[in-house]
Amino acid sequence: MVYYYDMIFPIEELIEYDNNMYEITAAASRRSYQLSMLKDPDIETHDGKVVSLAARQLFTNQIEFRIEE
């Protein structure tokens, strides 16, 4: 039996990302938390995959992040 899963994670953008991988991972984690807490309706359009939605928003510059010191 073979299963196929829809991957909505922006893998191409992840491969081409040339900045700090830790920063984008932390930003995606934080954004995922925000989306979950807000019960953002976009989550449903991404089959409930909150981390994928957050990553897509970051890689497509729908949202921006910055590191505060």
N, C-alpha and C. Protein backbone atom coordinates (compact mmCIF):
# COMPACT_ATOMS: atom_id res chain seq x y z
N MET A 1 0.84 -1.16 0.00
CA MET A 1 0.00 0.00 0.00
C MET A 1 0.90 1.24 0.00
N VAL A 2 0.59 2.21 -0.85
CA VAL A 2 1.37 3.43 -0.96
C VAL A 2 0.50 4.60 -0.54
N TYR A 3 1.06 5.46 0.30
CA TYR A 3 0.36 6.64 0.74
C TYR A 3 1.03 7.87 0.15
N TYR A 4 0.23 8.81 -0.28
CA TYR A 4 0.74 10.07 -0.77
C TYR A 4 0.24 11.18 0.14
N TYR A 5 1.12 12.04 0.53
CA TYR A 5 0.76 13.13 1.42
C TYR A 5 0.97 14.45 0.70
N ASP A 6 0.05 15.36 0.87
CA ASP A 6 0.22 16.70 0.32
C ASP A 6 1.23 17.44 1.16
N MET A 7 2.28 17.85 0.53
CA MET A 7 3.29 18.65 1.21
C MET A 7 3.06 20.10 0.86
N ILE A 8 2.67 20.89 1.82
CA ILE A 8 2.49 22.30 1.54
C ILE A 8 3.61 23.12 2.16
N PHE A 9 4.62 22.43 2.69
CA PHE A 9 5.77 23.14 3.24
C PHE A 9 6.60 23.68 2.09
N PRO A 10 7.01 24.93 2.17
CA PRO A 10 7.73 25.56 1.05
C PRO A 10 9.17 25.06 0.94
N ILE A 11 9.34 23.84 0.48
CA ILE A 11 10.65 23.20 0.47
C ILE A 11 11.63 23.92 -0.46
N GLU A 12 11.15 24.45 -1.59
CA GLU A 12 12.04 25.14 -2.50
C GLU A 12 12.65 26.37 -1.83
N GLU A 13 11.81 27.13 -1.12
CA GLU A 13 12.30 28.31 -0.43
C GLU A 13 13.27 27.95 0.68
N LEU A 14 13.01 26.84 1.35
CA LEU A 14 13.89 26.39 2.42
C LEU A 14 15.27 26.02 1.87
N ILE A 15 15.29 25.34 0.74
CA ILE A 15 16.56 24.96 0.12
C ILE A 15 17.35 26.18 -0.31
N GLU A 16 16.66 27.17 -0.84
CA GLU A 16 17.33 28.37 -1.36
C GLU A 16 17.63 29.41 -0.28
N TYR A 17 17.14 29.21 0.91
CA TYR A 17 17.34 30.18 1.99
C TYR A 17 18.81 30.22 2.37
N ASP A 18 19.40 31.41 2.31
CA ASP A 18 20.84 31.50 2.56
C ASP A 18 21.19 32.30 3.81
N ASN A 19 20.21 32.57 4.65
CA ASN A 19 20.46 33.27 5.90
C ASN A 19 20.52 32.27 7.05
N ASN A 20 20.46 32.76 8.25
CA ASN A 20 20.59 31.94 9.45
C ASN A 20 19.38 31.00 9.59
N MET A 21 19.63 29.71 9.49
CA MET A 21 18.55 28.71 9.57
C MET A 21 17.92 28.67 10.96
N TYR A 22 18.70 28.92 12.00
CA TYR A 22 18.16 28.94 13.35
C TYR A 22 17.13 30.06 13.49
N GLU A 23 17.43 31.23 12.95
CA GLU A 23 16.52 32.37 13.06
C GLU A 23 15.19 32.10 12.37
N ILE A 24 15.22 31.56 11.15
CA ILE A 24 13.97 31.31 10.43
C ILE A 24 13.17 30.20 11.11
N THR A 25 13.87 29.23 11.70
CA THR A 25 13.19 28.16 12.43
C THR A 25 12.51 28.71 13.68
N ALA A 26 13.22 29.56 14.41
CA ALA A 26 12.63 30.18 15.60
C ALA A 26 11.45 31.07 15.23
N ALA A 27 11.58 31.81 14.13
CA ALA A 27 10.49 32.68 13.69
C ALA A 27 9.27 31.86 13.27
N ALA A 28 9.48 30.76 12.58
CA ALA A 28 8.37 29.89 12.17
C ALA A 28 7.68 29.27 13.38
N SER A 29 8.47 28.89 14.36
CA SER A 29 7.91 28.32 15.59
C SER A 29 7.04 29.35 16.31
N ARG A 30 7.55 30.55 16.44
CA ARG A 30 6.81 31.61 17.13
C ARG A 30 5.55 31.97 16.35
N ARG A 31 5.66 32.07 15.02
CA ARG A 31 4.50 32.41 14.20
C ARG A 31 3.45 31.30 14.27
N SER A 32 3.89 30.05 14.30
CA SER A 32 2.95 28.93 14.44
C SER A 32 2.15 29.05 15.72
N TYR A 33 2.83 29.41 16.79
CA TYR A 33 2.16 29.60 18.07
C TYR A 33 1.13 30.72 17.97
N GLN A 34 1.52 31.83 17.35
CA GLN A 34 0.59 32.96 17.20
C GLN A 34 -0.64 32.54 16.41
N LEU A 35 -0.44 31.87 15.29
CA LEU A 35 -1.56 31.44 14.46
C LEU A 35 -2.50 30.51 15.22
N SER A 36 -1.92 29.61 15.99
CA SER A 36 -2.73 28.67 16.78
C SER A 36 -3.54 29.39 17.84
N MET A 37 -2.93 30.32 18.52
CA MET A 37 -3.61 31.04 19.59
C MET A 37 -4.72 31.95 19.04
N LEU A 38 -4.49 32.50 17.85
CA LEU A 38 -5.49 33.37 17.22
C LEU A 38 -6.58 32.59 16.50
N LYS A 39 -6.34 31.27 16.36
CA LYS A 39 -7.26 30.41 15.59
C LYS A 39 -7.51 31.01 14.21
N ASP A 40 -6.40 31.35 13.56
CA ASP A 40 -6.43 31.99 12.24
C ASP A 40 -7.17 31.11 11.24
N PRO A 41 -8.12 31.67 10.49
CA PRO A 41 -8.88 30.87 9.52
C PRO A 41 -8.03 30.31 8.38
N ASP A 42 -6.87 30.89 8.13
CA ASP A 42 -5.98 30.37 7.08
C ASP A 42 -5.47 28.98 7.41
N ILE A 43 -5.51 28.61 8.67
CA ILE A 43 -5.06 27.26 9.06
C ILE A 43 -5.87 26.20 8.34
N GLU A 44 -7.16 26.41 8.23
CA GLU A 44 -8.04 25.44 7.56
C GLU A 44 -7.71 25.31 6.08
N THR A 45 -7.30 26.40 5.44
CA THR A 45 -6.96 26.33 4.02
C THR A 45 -5.65 25.60 3.79
N HIS A 46 -4.89 25.37 4.85
CA HIS A 46 -3.64 24.61 4.77
C HIS A 46 -3.77 23.27 5.48
N ASP A 47 -4.97 22.72 5.49
CA ASP A 47 -5.25 21.40 6.06
C ASP A 47 -4.82 21.28 7.51
N GLY A 48 -4.85 22.39 8.25
CA GLY A 48 -4.50 22.37 9.66
C GLY A 48 -3.00 22.33 9.93
N LYS A 49 -2.20 22.50 8.91
CA LYS A 49 -0.74 22.44 9.05
C LYS A 49 -0.21 23.83 9.40
N VAL A 50 -0.17 24.12 10.66
CA VAL A 50 0.17 25.45 11.16
C VAL A 50 1.62 25.81 10.86
N VAL A 51 2.54 24.89 11.06
CA VAL A 51 3.96 25.18 10.83
C VAL A 51 4.20 25.47 9.35
N SER A 52 3.56 24.72 8.47
CA SER A 52 3.69 24.97 7.04
C SER A 52 3.17 26.35 6.66
N LEU A 53 2.05 26.72 7.23
CA LEU A 53 1.48 28.04 6.98
C LEU A 53 2.43 29.13 7.46
N ALA A 54 2.95 28.98 8.65
CA ALA A 54 3.87 29.96 9.21
C ALA A 54 5.12 30.09 8.34
N ALA A 55 5.68 28.98 7.92
CA ALA A 55 6.88 29.00 7.08
C ALA A 55 6.59 29.68 5.75
N ARG A 56 5.46 29.36 5.16
CA ARG A 56 5.09 29.98 3.88
C ARG A 56 4.96 31.49 4.05
N GLN A 57 4.34 31.93 5.13
CA GLN A 57 4.20 33.37 5.38
C GLN A 57 5.56 34.05 5.51
N LEU A 58 6.49 33.39 6.15
CA LEU A 58 7.83 33.95 6.30
C LEU A 58 8.58 33.99 4.98
N PHE A 59 8.57 32.90 4.25
CA PHE A 59 9.33 32.83 3.01
C PHE A 59 8.76 33.70 1.90
N THR A 60 7.47 33.97 1.94
CA THR A 60 6.85 34.83 0.91
C THR A 60 6.74 36.28 1.38
N ASN A 61 7.34 36.56 2.53
CA ASN A 61 7.36 37.92 3.09
C ASN A 61 5.97 38.49 3.37
N GLN A 62 5.00 37.60 3.64
CA GLN A 62 3.70 38.08 4.11
C GLN A 62 3.83 38.67 5.50
N ILE A 63 4.76 38.13 6.25
CA ILE A 63 5.11 38.69 7.55
C ILE A 63 6.62 38.80 7.62
N GLU A 64 7.09 39.67 8.46
CA GLU A 64 8.53 39.85 8.65
C GLU A 64 8.88 39.55 10.09
N PHE A 65 10.12 39.20 10.31
CA PHE A 65 10.56 38.96 11.67
C PHE A 65 11.87 39.71 11.90
N ARG A 66 12.15 39.97 13.16
CA ARG A 66 13.42 40.60 13.51
C ARG A 66 13.87 40.02 14.84
N ILE A 67 15.15 40.02 15.03
CA ILE A 67 15.74 39.52 16.26
C ILE A 67 15.95 40.72 17.19
N GLU A 68 15.34 40.64 18.37
CA GLU A 68 15.50 41.70 19.35
C GLU A 68 16.60 41.31 20.33
N GLU A 69 17.45 42.28 20.63
CA GLU A 69 18.55 42.00 21.56
C GLU A 69 18.24 42.53 22.92
